[in-house]
C-alpha atoms as a PDB file:
ATOM      1  CA  MET A   1    -117.053 237.508  68.580  1.00  0.00           C
ATOM      2  CA  SER A   2    -113.590 237.202  67.060  1.00  0.00           C
ATOM      3  CA  VAL A   3    -113.470 233.401  66.712  1.00  0.00           C
ATOM      4  CA  GLU A   4    -114.570 232.082  63.316  1.00  0.00           C
ATOM      5  CA  LEU A   5    -117.228 229.434  63.867  1.00  0.00           C
ATOM      6  CA  PRO A   6    -119.532 227.540  61.548  1.00  0.00           C
ATOM      7  CA  PRO A   7    -122.982 229.222  61.456  1.00  0.00           C
ATOM      8  CA  GLN A   8    -124.706 226.542  63.557  1.00  0.00           C
ATOM      9  CA  ARG A   9    -122.135 226.776  66.351  1.00  0.00           C
ATOM     10  CA  ARG A  10    -122.087 230.561  66.159  1.00  0.00           C
ATOM     11  CA  GLU A  11    -125.866 230.594  66.672  1.00  0.00           C
ATOM     12  CA  ARG A  12    -125.577 228.332  69.727  1.00  0.00           C
ATOM     13  CA  VAL A  13    -122.933 230.619  71.249  1.00  0.00           C
ATOM     14  CA  GLU A  14    -125.057 233.702  70.511  1.00  0.00           C
ATOM     15  CA  GLU A  15    -128.096 231.999  72.029  1.00  0.00           C
ATOM     16  CA  PHE A  16    -126.004 231.282  75.140  1.00  0.00           C
ATOM     17  CA  ARG A  17    -124.819 234.913  75.272  1.00  0.00           C
ATOM     18  CA  ARG A  18    -128.396 236.225  75.049  1.00  0.00           C
ATOM     19  CA  LYS A  19    -129.699 233.784  77.659  1.00  0.00           C
ATOM     20  CA  HIS A  20    -126.999 234.751  80.140  1.00  0.00           C
ATOM     21  CA  ARG A  21    -127.192 238.441  79.209  1.00  0.00           C
ATOM     22  CA  THR A  22    -123.467 238.756  78.889  1.00  0.00           C
ATOM     23  CA  GLY A  23    -121.280 240.510  76.381  1.00  0.00           C
ATOM     24  CA  LEU A  24    -118.367 238.277  77.304  1.00  0.00           C
ATOM     25  CA  VAL A  25    -118.434 234.564  76.543  1.00  0.00           C
ATOM     26  CA  THR A  26    -115.474 232.373  77.418  1.00  0.00           C
ATOM     27  CA  LEU A  27    -114.977 229.401  75.124  1.00  0.00           C
ATOM     28  CA  VAL A  28    -113.281 226.200  76.259  1.00  0.00           C
ATOM     29  CA  PHE A  29    -112.140 223.461  73.904  1.00  0.00           C
ATOM     30  CA  THR A  30    -111.077 220.062  75.222  1.00  0.00           C
ATOM     31  CA  ASP A  31    -109.336 217.176  73.520  1.00  0.00           C
ATOM     32  CA  ILE A  32    -107.810 213.918  74.731  1.00  0.00           C
ATOM     33  CA  VAL A  33    -104.131 214.039  73.841  1.00  0.00           C
ATOM     34  CA  GLY A  34    -102.968 210.899  72.071  1.00  0.00           C
ATOM     35  CA  SER A  35    -106.452 209.420  71.637  1.00  0.00           C
ATOM     36  CA  THR A  36    -105.549 207.807  68.309  1.00  0.00           C
ATOM     37  CA  GLN A  37    -102.565 206.044  69.859  1.00  0.00           C
ATOM     38  CA  LEU A  38    -104.725 205.108  72.844  1.00  0.00           C
ATOM     39  CA  LYS A  39    -107.212 203.418  70.509  1.00  0.00           C
ATOM     40  CA  GLN A  40    -104.378 201.470  68.893  1.00  0.00           C
ATOM     41  CA  GLU A  41    -103.002 200.381  72.269  1.00  0.00           C
ATOM     42  CA  LEU A  42    -106.308 199.464  73.918  1.00  0.00           C
ATOM     43  CA  GLY A  43    -108.385 198.424  70.960  1.00  0.00           C
ATOM     44  CA  ASP A  44    -111.636 200.039  69.895  1.00  0.00           C
ATOM     45  CA  ARG A  45    -113.864 198.568  72.602  1.00  0.00           C
ATOM     46  CA  GLN A  46    -111.764 199.686  75.581  1.00  0.00           C
ATOM     47  CA  ALA A  47    -110.884 203.034  73.991  1.00  0.00           C
ATOM     48  CA  VAL A  48    -114.556 203.804  73.326  1.00  0.00           C
ATOM     49  CA  ALA A  49    -115.374 202.894  76.944  1.00  0.00           C
ATOM     50  CA  LEU A  50    -112.646 205.263  78.152  1.00  0.00           C
ATOM     51  CA  ILE A  51    -113.896 208.086  75.917  1.00  0.00           C
ATOM     52  CA  GLN A  52    -117.456 207.516  77.158  1.00  0.00           C
ATOM     53  CA  ARG A  53    -116.190 207.752  80.746  1.00  0.00           C
ATOM     54  CA  HIS A  54    -114.346 210.951  79.813  1.00  0.00           C
ATOM     55  CA  HIS A  55    -117.575 212.393  78.353  1.00  0.00           C
ATOM     56  CA  ALA A  56    -119.478 211.463  81.511  1.00  0.00           C
ATOM     57  CA  VAL A  57    -116.884 213.221  83.694  1.00  0.00           C
ATOM     58  CA  VAL A  58    -116.965 216.377  81.545  1.00  0.00           C
ATOM     59  CA  ARG A  59    -120.779 216.511  81.584  1.00  0.00           C
ATOM     60  CA  GLU A  60    -121.040 215.727  85.295  1.00  0.00           C
ATOM     61  CA  LEU A  61    -118.606 218.506  86.134  1.00  0.00           C
ATOM     62  CA  LEU A  62    -120.207 220.923  83.665  1.00  0.00           C
ATOM     63  CA  ALA A  63    -123.600 220.421  85.334  1.00  0.00           C
ATOM     64  CA  GLY A  64    -122.206 222.154  88.420  1.00  0.00           C
ATOM     65  CA  PHE A  65    -121.767 225.425  86.519  1.00  0.00           C
ATOM     66  CA  VAL A  66    -125.029 227.321  86.048  1.00  0.00           C
ATOM     67  CA  GLY A  67    -123.531 229.702  83.502  1.00  0.00           C
ATOM     68  CA  ALA A  68    -122.054 227.029  81.255  1.00  0.00           C
ATOM     69  CA  ARG A  69    -123.225 225.068  78.251  1.00  0.00           C
ATOM     70  CA  GLU A  70    -121.996 222.311  75.973  1.00  0.00           C
ATOM     71  CA  ILE A  71    -122.036 223.796  72.477  1.00  0.00           C
ATOM     72  CA  SER A  72    -120.901 220.664  70.645  1.00  0.00           C
ATOM     73  CA  THR A  73    -118.801 217.542  70.830  1.00  0.00           C
ATOM     74  CA  ALA A  74    -116.932 215.538  68.227  1.00  0.00           C
ATOM     75  CA  GLY A  75    -115.093 212.320  68.974  1.00  0.00           C
ATOM     76  CA  ASP A  76    -113.170 212.961  72.173  1.00  0.00           C
ATOM     77  CA  SER A  77    -113.436 216.775  72.008  1.00  0.00           C
ATOM     78  CA  PHE A  78    -115.811 219.254  73.620  1.00  0.00           C
ATOM     79  CA  PHE A  79    -116.670 222.856  72.766  1.00  0.00           C
ATOM     80  CA  LEU A  80    -118.027 224.624  75.872  1.00  0.00           C
ATOM     81  CA  ALA A  81    -119.188 228.163  76.662  1.00  0.00           C
ATOM     82  CA  PHE A  82    -119.046 229.941  80.032  1.00  0.00           C
ATOM     83  CA  ASP A  83    -120.540 233.260  81.047  1.00  0.00           C
ATOM     84  CA  LYS A  84    -117.623 233.987  83.414  1.00  0.00           C
ATOM     85  CA  PRO A  85    -113.924 233.539  82.622  1.00  0.00           C
ATOM     86  CA  SER A  86    -113.285 232.522  86.238  1.00  0.00           C
ATOM     87  CA  ASP A  87    -115.781 229.653  85.908  1.00  0.00           C
ATOM     88  CA  ALA A  88    -114.084 228.489  82.706  1.00  0.00           C
ATOM     89  CA  VAL A  89    -110.712 228.415  84.467  1.00  0.00           C
ATOM     90  CA  LYS A  90    -112.187 226.706  87.532  1.00  0.00           C
ATOM     91  CA  PHE A  91    -113.859 224.111  85.297  1.00  0.00           C
ATOM     92  CA  ALA A  92    -110.621 223.443  83.396  1.00  0.00           C
ATOM     93  CA  LEU A  93    -108.626 222.975  86.608  1.00  0.00           C
ATOM     94  CA  LEU A  94    -111.262 220.718  88.162  1.00  0.00           C
ATOM     95  CA  LEU A  95    -111.479 218.685  84.957  1.00  0.00           C
ATOM     96  CA  LEU A  96    -107.719 218.211  84.806  1.00  0.00           C
ATOM     97  CA  GLY A  97    -107.676 217.088  88.413  1.00  0.00           C
ATOM     98  CA  ARG A  98    -110.557 214.691  87.883  1.00  0.00           C
ATOM     99  CA  LEU A  99    -109.114 213.202  84.693  1.00  0.00           C
ATOM    100  CA  GLN A 100    -105.715 212.675  86.286  1.00  0.00           C
ATOM    101  CA  SER A 101    -107.204 210.908  89.285  1.00  0.00           C
ATOM    102  CA  PRO A 102    -106.535 207.195  89.727  1.00  0.00           C
ATOM    103  CA  ARG A 103    -110.305 206.592  89.635  1.00  0.00           C
ATOM    104  CA  LEU A 104    -110.495 207.499  85.927  1.00  0.00           C
ATOM    105  CA  GLY A 105    -107.081 206.016  85.265  1.00  0.00           C
ATOM    106  CA  GLN A 106    -108.444 202.617  86.284  1.00  0.00           C
ATOM    107  CA  CYS A 107    -110.598 202.712  83.160  1.00  0.00           C
ATOM    108  CA  ARG A 108    -107.484 202.564  81.022  1.00  0.00           C
ATOM    109  CA  GLY A 109    -107.120 198.897  81.792  1.00  0.00           C
ATOM    110  CA  GLY A 110    -110.744 197.944  81.246  1.00  0.00           C
ATOM    111  CA  CYS A 111    -113.835 200.119  81.397  1.00  0.00           C
ATOM    112  CA  GLY A 112    -117.039 198.640  80.159  1.00  0.00           C
END
């Protein structure tokens, strides 16, 4: 693995690699662009509700990929591993589409 990871995360990725019996692991990192500004605009309560909805969407979508795993999350970011590059790309495209949908956008004005 050529990506430098903290030991705990490295172990989780290696565990994933062994479980899926693959030499190739595709890593996906997500982050909500402008989340700090979003918190300032919406206030903590609404911003937290939006981030929780975001997390639910990511996890719901991720559950549809057998060869995928959430390695860690911090704030509004996810670190994911996939056993197939094509699944990682498919996940990323589906996630973008889902997050840009009006259904999630409605949360911006008042989730929770």
